[in-house]
Structure formats: C-alpha cells, structure tokens
C-alpha cells in the first residue's frame, strides 16, 4: 500500500513538472526593456485610434496606419532577439553617439545612455546598442518624416535610433547638412529624455578621442 502511494506521488510530481512548468517560466527578457514597453503602449494607442477612427494630433488616418506598420517592425525586431540599434558614420567627421552606460550588465535595461564617439567610416559593433546620435549645435540635419519628406532639424538635439535598424548618416556635399537614411526620425531635446544632451559645436566633437565599439573592417 505504501509502495502504491509512493508511486502515485512520484507520478503526480512528474506530471506537475510537465504541465505546470510554463506557468513558472520566466517572461522573455525583452519584455522588461523600457523601450519595448513604451513601443507596445504606443502601438496600442495607435491601434485604438485606428479602430475608433479617433483623431490624434499630428496624425492623419494614413499616417496612423504607416506608424503602426513601422512600430510593428521594431517590435518584431525585439521579439526576434535584436534589442539593439546600429550607427554608421559617413559624415566625414567624428560622430557623437549614445550607447549603453558603463558597467551595465547585459540583462539590465536602462533608459539612460552614455556618450561615445564614432570615427568617420565606422559602424558600431553588432549587439552593442547604439541608442542615438548627438547633432552638434552648429549643424543642421535633413531628417525624413513619416511620409518620407525632408524636414530641417536644428542642432543641439539627440536623434533616437530604433532597435533593429542601422541609422546611417552622411553629410550633404553642397549644404553640409547631415542626412539620414530612414524616415520617422525621432528628435529628443534636453529634458525630454534621461540622456546628457550638451550644447557644443562639431569642432568640440571632432577633438574627442573615438571610443565607440566598432565592427572590424
């Protein structure tokens, strides 16, 4: 009788491991990333506006649909394991970029960022999260809006790099303006994000030692 009870307990224990394990499994780590959380919330807001045909300031129905598609692609990148962005410098000058804070563990997520410096012709290393770039105060940029139309951006701001994308920058040979290779660029001003956004010229940036981790040639 005792043997039967023992066998029954063993069977119940094994069954519990097999069937109950998913309920104890950890959530994928990307779900803890503040950028993923914010991305999901933005998609939900746009989806709600689309379904109710509500008006969102600064958006037409067509722009809402396009924004949803772009954000869904960023979300897919997260869920595919690409929780980092990449920066390529083709400006002919040193580029100030935002990356992970020093001594931050791989499993730790932070909405902050540290400034690094990327040499001309270089691309940040794979899996090193280039979060954004700094546009010096004496430069302008030709950024593309959601419709792909060019809009001038004054310096002294940061430009966010969406996860799963390679933001390549180059200088217009005629105007000297920095040009981006993708639409929907998000501009961040001082006080809008937990990043250090200085007020310095390109000459100051050029004088810095390059230290951003880069891909090997």
N, C-alpha and C. Protein backbone atom coordinates (compact mmCIF):
# COMPACT_ATOMS: atom_id res chain seq x y z
N UNK A 1 0.83 -1.21 0.00
CA UNK A 1 0.00 0.00 0.00
C UNK A 1 0.86 1.25 0.00
N UNK A 2 1.92 1.19 0.87
CA UNK A 2 2.82 2.34 0.92
C UNK A 2 3.54 2.53 -0.42
N UNK A 3 3.88 1.40 -1.05
CA UNK A 3 4.56 1.47 -2.35
C UNK A 3 3.67 2.15 -3.39
N UNK A 4 2.39 1.81 -3.38
CA UNK A 4 1.44 2.41 -4.33
C UNK A 4 1.33 3.92 -4.11
N UNK A 5 1.28 4.32 -2.84
CA UNK A 5 1.19 5.74 -2.53
C UNK A 5 2.44 6.48 -3.00
N UNK A 6 3.59 5.81 -2.82
CA UNK A 6 4.86 6.43 -3.22
C UNK A 6 4.89 6.62 -4.73
N UNK A 7 4.48 5.57 -5.47
CA UNK A 7 4.46 5.65 -6.93
C UNK A 7 3.50 6.74 -7.40
N UNK A 8 2.34 6.83 -6.74
CA UNK A 8 1.35 7.85 -7.10
C UNK A 8 1.91 9.25 -6.89
N UNK A 9 2.63 9.45 -5.79
CA UNK A 9 3.22 10.76 -5.52
C UNK A 9 4.27 11.12 -6.57
N UNK A 10 5.08 10.14 -6.96
CA UNK A 10 6.10 10.38 -7.99
C UNK A 10 5.45 10.76 -9.31
N UNK A 11 4.38 10.04 -9.69
CA UNK A 11 3.67 10.33 -10.94
C UNK A 11 3.08 11.73 -10.91
N UNK A 12 2.47 12.10 -9.77
CA UNK A 12 1.88 13.44 -9.65
C UNK A 12 2.95 14.53 -9.72
N UNK A 13 4.11 14.26 -9.12
CA UNK A 13 5.21 15.23 -9.15
C UNK A 13 5.71 15.45 -10.57
N UNK A 14 5.91 14.35 -11.30
CA UNK A 14 6.39 14.45 -12.69
C UNK A 14 5.36 15.16 -13.56
N UNK A 15 4.09 14.81 -13.36
CA UNK A 15 3.02 15.45 -14.14
C UNK A 15 2.98 16.95 -13.88
N UNK A 16 3.21 17.32 -12.64
CA UNK A 16 3.20 18.74 -12.28
C UNK A 16 4.33 19.49 -12.98
N UNK A 17 5.50 18.84 -13.05
CA UNK A 17 6.63 19.48 -13.75
C UNK A 17 6.34 19.64 -15.23
N UNK A 18 5.75 18.63 -15.84
CA UNK A 18 5.49 18.65 -17.28
C UNK A 18 4.44 19.67 -17.65
N UNK A 19 3.33 19.70 -16.90
CA UNK A 19 2.20 20.53 -17.29
C UNK A 19 2.20 21.91 -16.65
N UNK A 20 2.84 22.06 -15.52
CA UNK A 20 2.78 23.35 -14.82
C UNK A 20 3.99 24.22 -15.10
N UNK A 21 5.03 23.67 -15.73
CA UNK A 21 6.25 24.43 -15.95
C UNK A 21 6.03 25.75 -16.68
N UNK A 22 5.22 25.81 -17.74
CA UNK A 22 5.04 27.08 -18.44
C UNK A 22 4.56 28.20 -17.52
N UNK A 23 3.77 27.89 -16.52
CA UNK A 23 3.25 28.93 -15.66
C UNK A 23 4.34 29.54 -14.79
N UNK A 24 5.47 28.77 -14.59
CA UNK A 24 6.56 29.28 -13.78
C UNK A 24 7.70 29.81 -14.64
N UNK A 25 7.59 29.66 -15.93
CA UNK A 25 8.68 30.10 -16.82
C UNK A 25 8.81 31.62 -16.78
N UNK A 26 10.06 32.05 -16.88
CA UNK A 26 10.31 33.49 -16.91
C UNK A 26 9.79 34.08 -18.21
N UNK A 27 9.32 35.32 -18.13
CA UNK A 27 8.92 36.03 -19.34
C UNK A 27 10.18 36.34 -20.15
N UNK A 28 10.09 36.37 -21.48
CA UNK A 28 11.26 36.73 -22.27
C UNK A 28 11.84 38.05 -21.78
N UNK A 29 13.16 38.16 -21.72
CA UNK A 29 13.77 39.32 -21.08
C UNK A 29 13.48 40.62 -21.83
N UNK A 30 13.18 40.54 -23.14
CA UNK A 30 12.92 41.78 -23.86
C UNK A 30 11.65 42.48 -23.36
N UNK A 31 10.75 41.73 -22.71
CA UNK A 31 9.52 42.34 -22.20
C UNK A 31 9.80 43.28 -21.03
N UNK A 32 11.00 43.18 -20.45
CA UNK A 32 11.38 44.06 -19.35
C UNK A 32 12.05 45.34 -19.84
N UNK A 33 12.37 45.37 -21.12
CA UNK A 33 13.06 46.53 -21.68
C UNK A 33 12.10 47.72 -21.74
N UNK A 34 12.46 48.86 -21.13
CA UNK A 34 11.57 50.03 -21.15
C UNK A 34 11.20 50.47 -22.56
N UNK A 35 12.13 50.32 -23.52
CA UNK A 35 11.83 50.69 -24.90
C UNK A 35 10.75 49.79 -25.49
N UNK A 36 10.80 48.49 -25.15
CA UNK A 36 9.78 47.56 -25.65
C UNK A 36 8.43 47.87 -25.04
N UNK A 37 8.44 48.17 -23.75
CA UNK A 37 7.19 48.52 -23.07
C UNK A 37 6.57 49.77 -23.68
N UNK A 38 7.40 50.81 -23.89
CA UNK A 38 6.91 52.06 -24.49
C UNK A 38 6.43 51.83 -25.92
N UNK A 39 7.14 50.97 -26.65
CA UNK A 39 6.77 50.65 -28.03
C UNK A 39 5.40 49.97 -28.07
N UNK A 40 5.18 49.02 -27.18
CA UNK A 40 3.91 48.31 -27.12
C UNK A 40 2.77 49.26 -26.77
N UNK A 41 3.02 50.15 -25.82
CA UNK A 41 1.99 51.12 -25.43
C UNK A 41 1.64 52.05 -26.59
N UNK A 42 2.64 52.48 -27.35
CA UNK A 42 2.39 53.37 -28.48
C UNK A 42 1.58 52.65 -29.57
N UNK A 43 1.92 51.39 -29.83
CA UNK A 43 1.16 50.61 -30.82
C UNK A 43 -0.30 50.47 -30.38
N UNK A 44 -0.50 50.17 -29.10
CA UNK A 44 -1.87 50.01 -28.58
C UNK A 44 -2.66 51.31 -28.71
N UNK A 45 -2.00 52.44 -28.46
CA UNK A 45 -2.67 53.73 -28.57
C UNK A 45 -3.07 54.01 -30.02
N UNK A 46 -2.17 53.73 -30.95
CA UNK A 46 -2.46 53.96 -32.36
C UNK A 46 -3.53 52.99 -32.87
N UNK A 47 -3.47 51.74 -32.42
CA UNK A 47 -4.48 50.76 -32.82
C UNK A 47 -5.86 51.18 -32.33
N UNK A 48 -5.94 51.69 -31.10
CA UNK A 48 -7.22 52.13 -30.55
C UNK A 48 -7.76 53.30 -31.35
N UNK A 49 -6.87 54.23 -31.73
CA UNK A 49 -7.30 55.38 -32.54
C UNK A 49 -7.78 54.93 -33.92
N UNK A 50 -7.10 53.94 -34.48
CA UNK A 50 -7.49 53.42 -35.80
C UNK A 50 -8.85 52.74 -35.73
N UNK A 51 -9.07 51.93 -34.69
CA UNK A 51 -10.32 51.17 -34.59
C UNK A 51 -11.51 52.06 -34.28
N UNK A 52 -11.29 53.11 -33.53
CA UNK A 52 -12.39 54.02 -33.17
C UNK A 52 -12.49 55.21 -34.11
N UNK A 53 -11.53 55.26 -35.06
CA UNK A 53 -11.46 56.38 -36.02
C UNK A 53 -11.34 57.72 -35.28
N UNK A 54 -10.65 57.69 -34.15
CA UNK A 54 -10.42 58.92 -33.39
C UNK A 54 -9.27 59.69 -34.00
N UNK A 55 -9.29 60.99 -33.80
CA UNK A 55 -8.25 61.85 -34.34
C UNK A 55 -7.10 61.96 -33.33
N UNK A 56 -5.87 61.81 -33.82
CA UNK A 56 -4.69 62.03 -33.00
C UNK A 56 -3.96 63.26 -33.53
N UNK A 57 -3.56 64.12 -32.60
CA UNK A 57 -2.90 65.35 -33.01
C UNK A 57 -1.63 65.04 -33.80
N UNK A 58 -1.53 65.64 -34.98
CA UNK A 58 -0.34 65.45 -35.81
C UNK A 58 -0.39 64.24 -36.71
N UNK A 59 -1.50 63.49 -36.68
CA UNK A 59 -1.62 62.28 -37.49
C UNK A 59 -2.88 62.33 -38.36
N UNK A 60 -2.73 61.91 -39.59
CA UNK A 60 -3.88 61.62 -40.44
C UNK A 60 -4.13 60.11 -40.33
N UNK A 61 -5.31 59.63 -40.77
CA UNK A 61 -5.54 58.17 -40.72
C UNK A 61 -4.45 57.38 -41.45
N UNK A 62 -3.98 57.93 -42.58
CA UNK A 62 -2.92 57.25 -43.33
C UNK A 62 -1.62 57.21 -42.55
N UNK A 63 -1.32 58.30 -41.83
CA UNK A 63 -0.11 58.35 -41.03
C UNK A 63 -0.18 57.39 -39.84
N UNK A 64 -1.37 57.25 -39.27
CA UNK A 64 -1.54 56.29 -38.17
C UNK A 64 -1.23 54.88 -38.65
N UNK A 65 -1.78 54.52 -39.82
CA UNK A 65 -1.54 53.19 -40.38
C UNK A 65 -0.06 52.97 -40.65
N UNK A 66 0.61 53.97 -41.21
CA UNK A 66 2.03 53.85 -41.51
C UNK A 66 2.86 53.74 -40.23
N UNK A 67 2.48 54.54 -39.22
CA UNK A 67 3.21 54.49 -37.95
C UNK A 67 3.07 53.12 -37.29
N UNK A 68 1.88 52.54 -37.35
CA UNK A 68 1.65 51.21 -36.78
C UNK A 68 2.56 50.19 -37.46
N UNK A 69 2.62 50.25 -38.78
CA UNK A 69 3.45 49.29 -39.54
C UNK A 69 4.92 49.40 -39.16
N UNK A 70 5.41 50.64 -39.02
CA UNK A 70 6.81 50.84 -38.66
C UNK A 70 7.10 50.36 -37.24
N UNK A 71 6.19 50.65 -36.32
CA UNK A 71 6.38 50.24 -34.93
C UNK A 71 6.27 48.72 -34.78
N UNK A 72 5.38 48.10 -35.55
CA UNK A 72 5.26 46.65 -35.51
C UNK A 72 6.56 45.99 -35.98
N UNK A 73 7.23 46.62 -36.96
CA UNK A 73 8.50 46.09 -37.43
C UNK A 73 9.56 46.20 -36.35
N UNK A 74 9.57 47.30 -35.62
CA UNK A 74 10.50 47.46 -34.49
C UNK A 74 10.20 46.43 -33.40
N UNK A 75 8.93 46.21 -33.14
CA UNK A 75 8.54 45.23 -32.12
C UNK A 75 8.97 43.83 -32.54
N UNK A 76 8.82 43.52 -33.82
CA UNK A 76 9.25 42.22 -34.34
C UNK A 76 10.75 42.02 -34.13
N UNK A 77 11.52 43.11 -34.32
CA UNK A 77 12.97 43.02 -34.12
C UNK A 77 13.28 42.64 -32.68
N UNK A 78 12.60 43.27 -31.72
CA UNK A 78 12.77 42.94 -30.31
C UNK A 78 12.49 41.45 -30.10
N UNK A 79 11.34 41.00 -30.59
CA UNK A 79 10.89 39.63 -30.33
C UNK A 79 11.74 38.60 -31.07
N UNK A 80 12.51 39.06 -32.05
CA UNK A 80 13.43 38.18 -32.77
C UNK A 80 14.81 38.15 -32.13
N UNK A 81 14.96 38.91 -31.04
CA UNK A 81 16.24 38.91 -30.32
C UNK A 81 17.15 40.06 -30.67
N UNK A 82 16.71 40.98 -31.52
CA UNK A 82 17.54 42.14 -31.88
C UNK A 82 17.08 43.33 -31.05
N UNK A 83 17.66 43.44 -29.86
CA UNK A 83 17.26 44.52 -28.96
C UNK A 83 18.29 45.65 -28.97
N UNK A 84 18.87 45.89 -30.15
CA UNK A 84 19.89 46.92 -30.28
C UNK A 84 19.78 47.61 -31.63
N UNK A 85 20.28 48.83 -31.68
CA UNK A 85 20.34 49.58 -32.93
C UNK A 85 21.80 49.73 -33.33
N UNK A 86 22.02 50.19 -34.55
CA UNK A 86 23.38 50.32 -35.07
C UNK A 86 23.54 51.67 -35.76
N UNK A 87 24.74 52.23 -35.66
CA UNK A 87 25.01 53.55 -36.27
C UNK A 87 26.20 53.45 -37.22
N UNK A 88 26.06 54.06 -38.38
CA UNK A 88 27.15 54.13 -39.35
C UNK A 88 27.46 55.59 -39.64
N UNK A 89 28.73 55.95 -39.54
CA UNK A 89 29.16 57.33 -39.72
C UNK A 89 29.81 57.52 -41.09
N UNK A 90 29.12 58.25 -41.97
CA UNK A 90 29.66 58.57 -43.29
C UNK A 90 29.67 60.09 -43.49
N UNK A 91 29.83 60.81 -42.39
CA UNK A 91 29.74 62.28 -42.42
C UNK A 91 31.05 62.96 -42.77
N UNK A 92 32.17 62.23 -42.69
CA UNK A 92 33.47 62.85 -42.88
C UNK A 92 34.01 63.47 -41.62
N UNK A 93 33.25 63.38 -40.52
CA UNK A 93 33.65 63.94 -39.23
C UNK A 93 33.41 62.90 -38.13
N UNK A 94 33.88 63.23 -36.94
CA UNK A 94 33.58 62.36 -35.79
C UNK A 94 32.11 62.53 -35.42
N UNK A 95 31.48 61.42 -35.09
CA UNK A 95 30.06 61.43 -34.74
C UNK A 95 29.90 61.07 -33.26
N UNK A 96 29.15 61.89 -32.53
CA UNK A 96 28.84 61.57 -31.13
C UNK A 96 27.61 60.68 -31.10
N UNK A 97 27.74 59.53 -30.46
CA UNK A 97 26.63 58.57 -30.41
C UNK A 97 26.31 58.22 -28.96
N UNK A 98 25.07 57.80 -28.75
CA UNK A 98 24.64 57.35 -27.42
C UNK A 98 24.62 55.83 -27.38
N UNK A 99 25.16 55.29 -26.29
CA UNK A 99 25.20 53.84 -26.13
C UNK A 99 24.95 53.45 -24.69
N UNK A 100 25.11 52.16 -24.38
CA UNK A 100 24.85 51.68 -23.01
C UNK A 100 25.75 52.37 -21.99
N UNK A 101 25.21 52.56 -20.80
CA UNK A 101 26.00 53.13 -19.72
C UNK A 101 27.09 52.14 -19.30
N UNK A 102 28.26 52.62 -18.92
CA UNK A 102 29.36 51.73 -18.50
C UNK A 102 28.95 50.87 -17.30
N UNK A 103 29.49 49.66 -17.29
CA UNK A 103 29.28 48.72 -16.17
C UNK A 103 27.83 48.26 -16.05
N UNK A 104 27.06 48.38 -17.12
CA UNK A 104 25.68 47.91 -17.11
C UNK A 104 25.67 46.45 -17.54
N UNK A 105 25.09 45.57 -16.72
CA UNK A 105 25.02 44.15 -17.07
C UNK A 105 24.14 43.96 -18.29
N UNK A 106 24.40 42.86 -19.01
CA UNK A 106 23.65 42.58 -20.24
C UNK A 106 22.16 42.45 -19.99
N UNK A 107 21.78 41.94 -18.81
CA UNK A 107 20.37 41.72 -18.52
C UNK A 107 19.69 42.94 -17.90
N UNK A 108 20.48 44.00 -17.67
CA UNK A 108 19.92 45.22 -17.09
C UNK A 108 19.53 46.19 -18.18
N UNK A 109 18.35 46.78 -18.03
CA UNK A 109 17.89 47.74 -19.01
C UNK A 109 17.80 49.11 -18.35
N UNK A 110 18.19 50.11 -19.08
CA UNK A 110 18.16 51.47 -18.56
C UNK A 110 17.70 52.40 -19.65
N UNK A 111 16.92 53.41 -19.26
CA UNK A 111 16.50 54.41 -20.23
C UNK A 111 17.55 55.50 -20.39
N UNK A 112 18.61 55.43 -19.58
CA UNK A 112 19.70 56.37 -19.71
C UNK A 112 20.64 55.96 -20.82
N UNK A 113 21.66 56.77 -21.06
CA UNK A 113 22.64 56.47 -22.10
C UNK A 113 23.91 57.26 -21.82
N UNK A 114 25.03 56.78 -22.34
CA UNK A 114 26.30 57.48 -22.22
C UNK A 114 26.75 57.91 -23.62
N UNK A 115 27.54 58.98 -23.68
CA UNK A 115 28.06 59.48 -24.95
C UNK A 115 29.36 58.78 -25.32
N UNK A 116 29.45 58.38 -26.57
CA UNK A 116 30.66 57.80 -27.15
C UNK A 116 30.95 58.55 -28.44
N UNK A 117 32.11 58.25 -29.03
CA UNK A 117 32.49 58.97 -30.25
C UNK A 117 32.92 57.97 -31.31
N UNK A 118 32.30 58.10 -32.48
CA UNK A 118 32.45 57.16 -33.58
C UNK A 118 33.19 57.83 -34.74
N UNK A 119 34.29 57.23 -35.16
CA UNK A 119 35.09 57.81 -36.23
C UNK A 119 34.40 57.73 -37.59
N UNK A 120 34.85 58.58 -38.51
CA UNK A 120 34.29 58.56 -39.87
C UNK A 120 34.57 57.22 -40.55
N UNK A 121 33.57 56.73 -41.27
CA UNK A 121 33.70 55.46 -41.98
C UNK A 121 33.52 54.24 -41.10
N UNK A 122 33.15 54.44 -39.85
CA UNK A 122 33.00 53.32 -38.93
C UNK A 122 31.53 53.02 -38.65
N UNK A 123 31.27 51.76 -38.27
CA UNK A 123 29.94 51.29 -37.88
C UNK A 123 30.04 50.66 -36.51
N UNK A 124 29.10 50.97 -35.64
CA UNK A 124 29.15 50.40 -34.29
C UNK A 124 29.01 48.88 -34.35
N UNK A 125 29.60 48.23 -33.37
CA UNK A 125 29.67 46.77 -33.32
C UNK A 125 28.28 46.14 -33.21
N UNK A 126 28.12 44.96 -33.81
CA UNK A 126 26.89 44.19 -33.67
C UNK A 126 26.63 43.91 -32.19
N UNK A 127 25.35 43.99 -31.80
CA UNK A 127 24.87 43.70 -30.45
C UNK A 127 25.27 44.76 -29.43
N UNK A 128 25.99 45.80 -29.85
CA UNK A 128 26.22 46.96 -28.99
C UNK A 128 25.15 47.98 -29.34
N UNK A 129 24.35 48.36 -28.37
CA UNK A 129 23.16 49.15 -28.67
C UNK A 129 23.49 50.62 -28.88
N UNK A 130 23.52 51.04 -30.14
CA UNK A 130 23.64 52.48 -30.45
C UNK A 130 22.24 53.07 -30.32
N UNK A 131 22.00 53.77 -29.22
CA UNK A 131 20.66 54.26 -28.93
C UNK A 131 20.30 55.53 -29.68
N UNK A 132 21.30 56.30 -30.07
CA UNK A 132 21.01 57.56 -30.76
C UNK A 132 22.29 58.28 -31.12
N UNK A 133 22.14 59.44 -31.76
CA UNK A 133 23.30 60.26 -32.10
C UNK A 133 23.04 61.68 -31.62
N UNK A 134 24.12 62.40 -31.38
CA UNK A 134 24.02 63.80 -30.98
C UNK A 134 24.32 64.68 -32.18
N UNK A 135 23.44 65.65 -32.45
CA UNK A 135 23.64 66.61 -33.53
C UNK A 135 24.20 67.90 -32.93
N UNK A 136 25.47 68.25 -33.22
CA UNK A 136 26.08 69.44 -32.63
C UNK A 136 25.28 70.71 -32.90
N UNK A 137 25.47 71.69 -32.02
CA UNK A 137 24.65 72.90 -32.05
C UNK A 137 24.85 73.76 -33.29
N UNK A 138 26.00 73.62 -33.98
CA UNK A 138 26.25 74.45 -35.16
C UNK A 138 25.95 73.73 -36.47
N UNK A 139 25.29 72.58 -36.39
CA UNK A 139 24.93 71.83 -37.59
C UNK A 139 23.41 71.74 -37.73
N UNK A 140 22.98 71.42 -38.92
CA UNK A 140 21.57 71.11 -39.16
C UNK A 140 21.49 69.72 -39.80
N UNK A 141 20.33 69.14 -39.72
CA UNK A 141 20.13 67.82 -40.31
C UNK A 141 18.90 67.83 -41.20
N UNK A 142 18.95 67.02 -42.25
CA UNK A 142 17.80 66.84 -43.12
C UNK A 142 17.18 65.50 -42.76
N UNK A 143 16.21 65.53 -41.85
CA UNK A 143 15.57 64.30 -41.39
C UNK A 143 14.30 64.04 -42.19
N UNK A 144 13.95 62.78 -42.32
CA UNK A 144 12.75 62.39 -43.06
C UNK A 144 11.60 62.14 -42.09
N UNK A 145 10.42 62.72 -42.41
CA UNK A 145 9.25 62.48 -41.57
C UNK A 145 8.58 61.18 -41.98
N UNK A 146 7.41 60.89 -41.41
CA UNK A 146 6.71 59.63 -41.68
C UNK A 146 6.39 59.45 -43.16
N UNK A 147 6.20 60.56 -43.87
CA UNK A 147 5.85 60.47 -45.30
C UNK A 147 7.08 60.42 -46.20
N UNK A 148 8.27 60.44 -45.57
CA UNK A 148 9.49 60.41 -46.37
C UNK A 148 9.91 61.77 -46.88
N UNK A 149 9.26 62.85 -46.41
CA UNK A 149 9.61 64.19 -46.84
C UNK A 149 10.68 64.76 -45.92
N UNK A 150 11.60 65.52 -46.50
CA UNK A 150 12.72 66.06 -45.74
C UNK A 150 12.29 67.26 -44.91
N UNK A 151 12.75 67.30 -43.66
CA UNK A 151 12.47 68.43 -42.78
C UNK A 151 13.76 68.82 -42.09
N UNK A 152 14.03 70.13 -41.99
CA UNK A 152 15.28 70.59 -41.39
C UNK A 152 15.20 70.53 -39.87
N UNK A 153 16.25 70.02 -39.24
CA UNK A 153 16.34 69.91 -37.79
C UNK A 153 17.54 70.71 -37.32
N UNK A 154 17.32 71.62 -36.37
CA UNK A 154 18.41 72.41 -35.81
C UNK A 154 19.23 71.57 -34.85
N UNK A 155 20.51 71.93 -34.67
CA UNK A 155 21.41 71.17 -33.82
C UNK A 155 21.13 71.37 -32.34
N UNK A 156 21.96 70.71 -31.53
CA UNK A 156 21.77 70.74 -30.09
C UNK A 156 20.73 69.76 -29.60
N UNK A 157 20.48 68.69 -30.37
CA UNK A 157 19.47 67.70 -30.03
C UNK A 157 20.05 66.30 -30.21
N UNK A 158 19.33 65.31 -29.69
CA UNK A 158 19.67 63.91 -29.91
C UNK A 158 18.65 63.30 -30.86
N UNK A 159 19.09 62.34 -31.63
CA UNK A 159 18.21 61.63 -32.57
C UNK A 159 18.21 60.16 -32.17
N UNK A 160 17.05 59.63 -31.87
CA UNK A 160 16.93 58.25 -31.39
C UNK A 160 17.07 57.25 -32.53
N UNK A 161 17.73 56.14 -32.25
CA UNK A 161 17.89 55.05 -33.22
C UNK A 161 16.95 53.91 -32.83
N UNK A 162 15.96 53.59 -33.64
CA UNK A 162 15.05 52.48 -33.30
C UNK A 162 15.80 51.15 -33.28
N UNK A 163 15.42 50.27 -32.36
CA UNK A 163 16.02 48.94 -32.30
C UNK A 163 15.80 48.20 -33.61
N UNK A 164 16.81 47.44 -34.00
CA UNK A 164 16.70 46.65 -35.21
C UNK A 164 17.00 47.40 -36.48
N UNK A 165 17.48 48.65 -36.36
CA UNK A 165 17.77 49.44 -37.55
C UNK A 165 19.22 49.91 -37.53
N UNK A 166 19.73 50.19 -38.72
CA UNK A 166 21.06 50.76 -38.87
C UNK A 166 20.88 52.19 -39.36
N UNK A 167 21.12 53.15 -38.48
CA UNK A 167 20.99 54.56 -38.85
C UNK A 167 22.30 55.01 -39.46
N UNK A 168 22.29 55.24 -40.77
CA UNK A 168 23.48 55.70 -41.47
C UNK A 168 23.37 57.20 -41.73
N UNK A 169 24.43 57.93 -41.41
CA UNK A 169 24.43 59.38 -41.58
C UNK A 169 25.55 59.80 -42.52
N UNK A 170 25.25 60.76 -43.37
CA UNK A 170 26.26 61.32 -44.26
C UNK A 170 26.03 62.82 -44.38
N UNK A 171 27.04 63.54 -44.85
CA UNK A 171 26.93 64.99 -45.00
C UNK A 171 26.64 65.33 -46.45
N UNK A 172 25.67 66.23 -46.65
CA UNK A 172 25.37 66.72 -48.00
C UNK A 172 26.57 67.53 -48.50
N UNK A 173 27.15 67.17 -49.64
CA UNK A 173 28.36 67.87 -50.12
C UNK A 173 28.12 69.34 -50.45
N UNK A 174 26.88 69.71 -50.74
CA UNK A 174 26.58 71.09 -51.12
C UNK A 174 26.23 71.97 -49.92
N UNK A 175 25.41 71.44 -49.02
CA UNK A 175 24.92 72.24 -47.89
C UNK A 175 25.64 71.94 -46.57
N UNK A 176 26.28 70.78 -46.48
CA UNK A 176 26.92 70.38 -45.23
C UNK A 176 25.96 69.81 -44.22
N UNK A 177 24.67 69.80 -44.53
CA UNK A 177 23.67 69.25 -43.60
C UNK A 177 23.83 67.74 -43.47
N UNK A 178 23.56 67.23 -42.27
CA UNK A 178 23.61 65.79 -42.03
C UNK A 178 22.32 65.16 -42.56
N UNK A 179 22.45 64.09 -43.31
CA UNK A 179 21.28 63.42 -43.89
C UNK A 179 21.14 62.01 -43.31
N UNK A 180 19.88 61.63 -43.08
CA UNK A 180 19.56 60.32 -42.52
C UNK A 180 19.06 59.39 -43.61
N UNK A 181 19.20 58.09 -43.37
CA UNK A 181 18.78 57.11 -44.38
C UNK A 181 17.42 56.50 -44.10
N UNK A 182 16.69 57.00 -43.10
CA UNK A 182 15.40 56.40 -42.78
C UNK A 182 14.39 57.45 -42.38
N UNK A 183 13.13 57.11 -42.57
CA UNK A 183 12.04 58.03 -42.23
C UNK A 183 11.61 57.82 -40.78
N UNK A 184 10.81 58.77 -40.28
CA UNK A 184 10.26 58.65 -38.94
C UNK A 184 11.27 58.91 -37.85
N UNK A 185 12.26 59.77 -38.14
CA UNK A 185 13.29 60.07 -37.15
C UNK A 185 12.68 60.76 -35.93
N UNK A 186 13.06 60.31 -34.74
CA UNK A 186 12.55 60.89 -33.50
C UNK A 186 13.58 61.82 -32.90
N UNK A 187 13.23 63.08 -32.74
CA UNK A 187 14.11 64.10 -32.21
C UNK A 187 13.89 64.24 -30.71
N UNK A 188 14.97 64.26 -29.94
CA UNK A 188 14.89 64.38 -28.48
C UNK A 188 15.65 65.62 -28.04
N UNK A 189 14.98 66.47 -27.26
CA UNK A 189 15.62 67.68 -26.74
C UNK A 189 15.98 67.48 -25.27
N UNK A 190 16.85 68.33 -24.78
CA UNK A 190 17.28 68.25 -23.39
C UNK A 190 16.06 68.35 -22.47
N UNK A 191 15.98 67.46 -21.50
CA UNK A 191 14.86 67.43 -20.57
C UNK A 191 13.76 66.47 -20.96
N UNK A 192 13.78 65.99 -22.21
CA UNK A 192 12.75 65.06 -22.68
C UNK A 192 13.15 63.60 -22.48
N UNK A 193 14.42 63.39 -22.15
CA UNK A 193 14.92 62.02 -22.00
C UNK A 193 16.06 62.06 -20.99
N UNK A 194 16.31 60.92 -20.36
CA UNK A 194 17.35 60.83 -19.34
C UNK A 194 18.72 60.62 -19.98
N UNK A 195 19.07 61.49 -20.92
CA UNK A 195 20.37 61.47 -21.58
C UNK A 195 21.03 62.83 -21.41
N UNK A 196 22.36 62.85 -21.41
CA UNK A 196 23.09 64.11 -21.39
C UNK A 196 23.13 64.65 -22.81
N UNK A 197 22.48 65.78 -23.04
CA UNK A 197 22.47 66.41 -24.36
C UNK A 197 23.20 67.74 -24.23
N UNK A 198 24.46 67.81 -24.61
CA UNK A 198 25.25 69.02 -24.43
C UNK A 198 24.90 70.10 -25.45
N UNK A 199 25.55 71.22 -25.33
CA UNK A 199 25.38 72.32 -26.28
C UNK A 199 26.76 72.70 -26.79
N UNK A 200 27.31 71.85 -27.66
CA UNK A 200 28.68 72.04 -28.15
C UNK A 200 28.71 71.98 -29.68
N UNK A 201 29.79 72.48 -30.24
CA UNK A 201 29.94 72.54 -31.69
C UNK A 201 30.57 71.25 -32.22
N UNK A 202 30.56 71.12 -33.56
CA UNK A 202 31.18 69.96 -34.20
C UNK A 202 32.69 69.94 -33.94
N UNK A 203 33.31 71.12 -33.83
CA UNK A 203 34.75 71.18 -33.57
C UNK A 203 35.09 70.51 -32.24
N UNK A 204 34.23 70.67 -31.24
CA UNK A 204 34.45 70.03 -29.95
C UNK A 204 34.34 68.52 -30.09
N UNK A 205 33.35 68.07 -30.85
CA UNK A 205 33.17 66.63 -31.07
C UNK A 205 34.36 66.05 -31.83
N UNK A 206 34.85 66.78 -32.86
CA UNK A 206 35.99 66.30 -33.64
C UNK A 206 37.24 66.14 -32.80
N UNK A 207 37.34 66.91 -31.71
CA UNK A 207 38.54 66.87 -30.87
C UNK A 207 38.55 65.69 -29.91
N UNK A 208 37.44 64.98 -29.82
CA UNK A 208 37.36 63.87 -28.88
C UNK A 208 38.02 62.61 -29.44
N UNK A 209 38.57 61.80 -28.53
CA UNK A 209 39.14 60.50 -28.91
C UNK A 209 37.97 59.55 -29.21
N UNK A 210 38.04 58.86 -30.35
CA UNK A 210 36.95 57.93 -30.69
C UNK A 210 37.03 56.70 -29.79
N UNK A 211 35.89 56.31 -29.23
CA UNK A 211 35.89 55.19 -28.28
C UNK A 211 34.67 54.28 -28.40
N UNK A 212 33.81 54.50 -29.40
CA UNK A 212 32.65 53.64 -29.57
C UNK A 212 33.11 52.28 -30.10
N UNK A 213 32.62 51.17 -29.55
CA UNK A 213 32.97 49.84 -30.08
C UNK A 213 32.52 49.72 -31.53
N UNK A 214 33.38 49.24 -32.40
CA UNK A 214 33.07 49.23 -33.84
C UNK A 214 33.26 47.85 -34.45
N UNK A 215 32.65 47.67 -35.60
CA UNK A 215 32.82 46.45 -36.37
C UNK A 215 34.21 46.45 -36.99
N UNK A 216 34.80 45.28 -37.09
CA UNK A 216 36.10 45.17 -37.72
C UNK A 216 35.96 45.31 -39.23
N UNK A 217 36.91 45.97 -39.85
CA UNK A 217 36.87 46.18 -41.30
C UNK A 217 37.04 44.86 -42.04
